[in-house]
Amino acid sequence: MQGMSLKSLAKHKALIPLYFCVALGCAGAAFYTTRLALRNPDVQWSRSGDISNEEFRQKQYKFYSPNVDYSKMESPAPKY
């Protein structure tokens, strides 16, 4: 079986949108997974003995929340 290269892709122009959509989907999934690992308050990378989510009390961590300013809202979470 012949491997896919740019020269063979030029012969099959109908496959270009398919490869573009698959690449875009893979990039989006990788971006969102990375964002969840780095920005989600449920994930803690610090190995210090103190586990606290107090730094997220006034931060926005949702991916999409239109017209909501989290810095001015009072958090319903208990203060420790």
C-alpha atoms as a PDB file:
ATOM      1  CA  MET A   1       0.000   0.000   0.000  1.00  0.00           C
ATOM      2  CA  GLN A   2       1.245   3.423  -0.905  1.00  0.00           C
ATOM      3  CA  GLY A   3       1.819   6.007   1.870  1.00  0.00           C
ATOM      4  CA  MET A   4       0.082   9.346   1.787  1.00  0.00           C
ATOM      5  CA  SER A   5       2.318  12.231   0.703  1.00  0.00           C
ATOM      6  CA  LEU A   6       1.771  15.718  -0.630  1.00  0.00           C
ATOM      7  CA  LYS A   7       2.251  14.464  -4.173  1.00  0.00           C
ATOM      8  CA  SER A   8      -0.428  11.798  -3.801  1.00  0.00           C
ATOM      9  CA  LEU A   9      -2.688  14.262  -1.983  1.00  0.00           C
ATOM     10  CA  ALA A  10      -2.523  16.528  -5.048  1.00  0.00           C
ATOM     11  CA  LYS A  11      -4.102  13.700  -7.066  1.00  0.00           C
ATOM     12  CA  HIS A  12      -6.944  13.282  -4.551  1.00  0.00           C
ATOM     13  CA  LYS A  13      -8.016  16.863  -3.873  1.00  0.00           C
ATOM     14  CA  ALA A  14     -11.282  15.745  -2.272  1.00  0.00           C
ATOM     15  CA  LEU A  15      -9.353  14.401   0.736  1.00  0.00           C
ATOM     16  CA  ILE A  16      -7.865  17.796   1.660  1.00  0.00           C
ATOM     17  CA  PRO A  17     -10.948  19.010   3.631  1.00  0.00           C
ATOM     18  CA  LEU A  18     -11.098  15.680   5.441  1.00  0.00           C
ATOM     19  CA  TYR A  19      -7.480  15.948   6.592  1.00  0.00           C
ATOM     20  CA  PHE A  20      -8.012  19.587   7.534  1.00  0.00           C
ATOM     21  CA  CYS A  21     -11.063  18.776   9.690  1.00  0.00           C
ATOM     22  CA  VAL A  22      -9.332  15.846  11.398  1.00  0.00           C
ATOM     23  CA  ALA A  23      -6.250  17.967  12.133  1.00  0.00           C
ATOM     24  CA  LEU A  24      -8.415  20.809  13.472  1.00  0.00           C
ATOM     25  CA  GLY A  25     -10.341  18.401  15.696  1.00  0.00           C
ATOM     26  CA  CYS A  26      -7.143  16.859  17.077  1.00  0.00           C
ATOM     27  CA  ALA A  27      -5.664  20.300  17.757  1.00  0.00           C
ATOM     28  CA  GLY A  28      -8.863  21.419  19.514  1.00  0.00           C
ATOM     29  CA  ALA A  29      -8.964  18.305  21.682  1.00  0.00           C
ATOM     30  CA  ALA A  30      -5.295  18.721  22.626  1.00  0.00           C
ATOM     31  CA  PHE A  31      -5.824  22.414  23.461  1.00  0.00           C
ATOM     32  CA  TYR A  32      -8.879  21.747  25.631  1.00  0.00           C
ATOM     33  CA  THR A  33      -7.226  18.857  27.482  1.00  0.00           C
ATOM     34  CA  THR A  34      -4.159  21.010  28.160  1.00  0.00           C
ATOM     35  CA  ARG A  35      -6.369  23.863  29.323  1.00  0.00           C
ATOM     36  CA  LEU A  36      -8.247  21.570  31.707  1.00  0.00           C
ATOM     37  CA  ALA A  37      -4.992  20.254  33.146  1.00  0.00           C
ATOM     38  CA  LEU A  38      -3.537  23.724  33.702  1.00  0.00           C
ATOM     39  CA  ARG A  39      -6.507  25.958  34.592  1.00  0.00           C
ATOM     40  CA  ASN A  40      -9.133  23.772  36.277  1.00  0.00           C
ATOM     41  CA  PRO A  41      -9.357  24.285  40.049  1.00  0.00           C
ATOM     42  CA  ASP A  42      -9.931  20.545  40.542  1.00  0.00           C
ATOM     43  CA  VAL A  43      -6.358  19.825  39.386  1.00  0.00           C
ATOM     44  CA  GLN A  44      -3.512  20.762  41.696  1.00  0.00           C
ATOM     45  CA  TRP A  45       0.068  20.501  40.469  1.00  0.00           C
ATOM     46  CA  SER A  46       1.674  21.873  43.619  1.00  0.00           C
ATOM     47  CA  ARG A  47       3.064  19.147  45.858  1.00  0.00           C
ATOM     48  CA  SER A  48       3.292  21.358  48.911  1.00  0.00           C
ATOM     49  CA  GLY A  49       1.508  19.947  51.937  1.00  0.00           C
ATOM     50  CA  ASP A  50      -1.154  22.678  51.969  1.00  0.00           C
ATOM     51  CA  ILE A  51      -4.117  21.965  49.682  1.00  0.00           C
ATOM     52  CA  SER A  52      -6.276  25.033  49.193  1.00  0.00           C
ATOM     53  CA  ASN A  53      -8.469  26.420  46.480  1.00  0.00           C
ATOM     54  CA  GLU A  54      -8.682  29.878  48.051  1.00  0.00           C
ATOM     55  CA  GLU A  55      -6.788  31.355  45.097  1.00  0.00           C
ATOM     56  CA  PHE A  56      -9.790  30.498  42.885  1.00  0.00           C
ATOM     57  CA  ARG A  57     -12.318  32.297  45.073  1.00  0.00           C
ATOM     58  CA  GLN A  58     -12.383  35.417  42.846  1.00  0.00           C
ATOM     59  CA  LYS A  59     -11.112  33.957  39.551  1.00  0.00           C
ATOM     60  CA  GLN A  60     -13.000  32.932  36.450  1.00  0.00           C
ATOM     61  CA  TYR A  61     -12.194  29.358  35.518  1.00  0.00           C
ATOM     62  CA  LYS A  62     -15.143  28.451  33.324  1.00  0.00           C
ATOM     63  CA  PHE A  63     -14.387  28.092  29.619  1.00  0.00           C
ATOM     64  CA  TYR A  64     -17.339  30.213  28.512  1.00  0.00           C
ATOM     65  CA  SER A  65     -19.491  32.469  30.659  1.00  0.00           C
ATOM     66  CA  PRO A  66     -20.639  35.609  28.841  1.00  0.00           C
ATOM     67  CA  ASN A  67     -20.971  38.934  30.647  1.00  0.00           C
ATOM     68  CA  VAL A  68     -20.097  37.631  34.123  1.00  0.00           C
ATOM     69  CA  ASP A  69     -17.438  39.441  36.160  1.00  0.00           C
ATOM     70  CA  TYR A  70     -16.280  36.946  38.761  1.00  0.00           C
ATOM     71  CA  SER A  71     -14.031  39.472  40.517  1.00  0.00           C
ATOM     72  CA  LYS A  72     -17.125  41.340  41.795  1.00  0.00           C
ATOM     73  CA  MET A  73     -19.170  38.300  42.819  1.00  0.00           C
ATOM     74  CA  GLU A  74     -19.201  36.876  46.325  1.00  0.00           C
ATOM     75  CA  SER A  75     -18.290  33.206  46.402  1.00  0.00           C
ATOM     76  CA  PRO A  76     -20.738  30.887  48.195  1.00  0.00           C
ATOM     77  CA  ALA A  77     -17.867  28.620  49.278  1.00  0.00           C
ATOM     78  CA  PRO A  78     -16.950  28.594  52.983  1.00  0.00           C
ATOM     79  CA  LYS A  79     -13.938  30.646  54.031  1.00  0.00           C
ATOM     80  CA  TYR A  80     -11.212  28.607  55.687  1.00  0.00           C
END
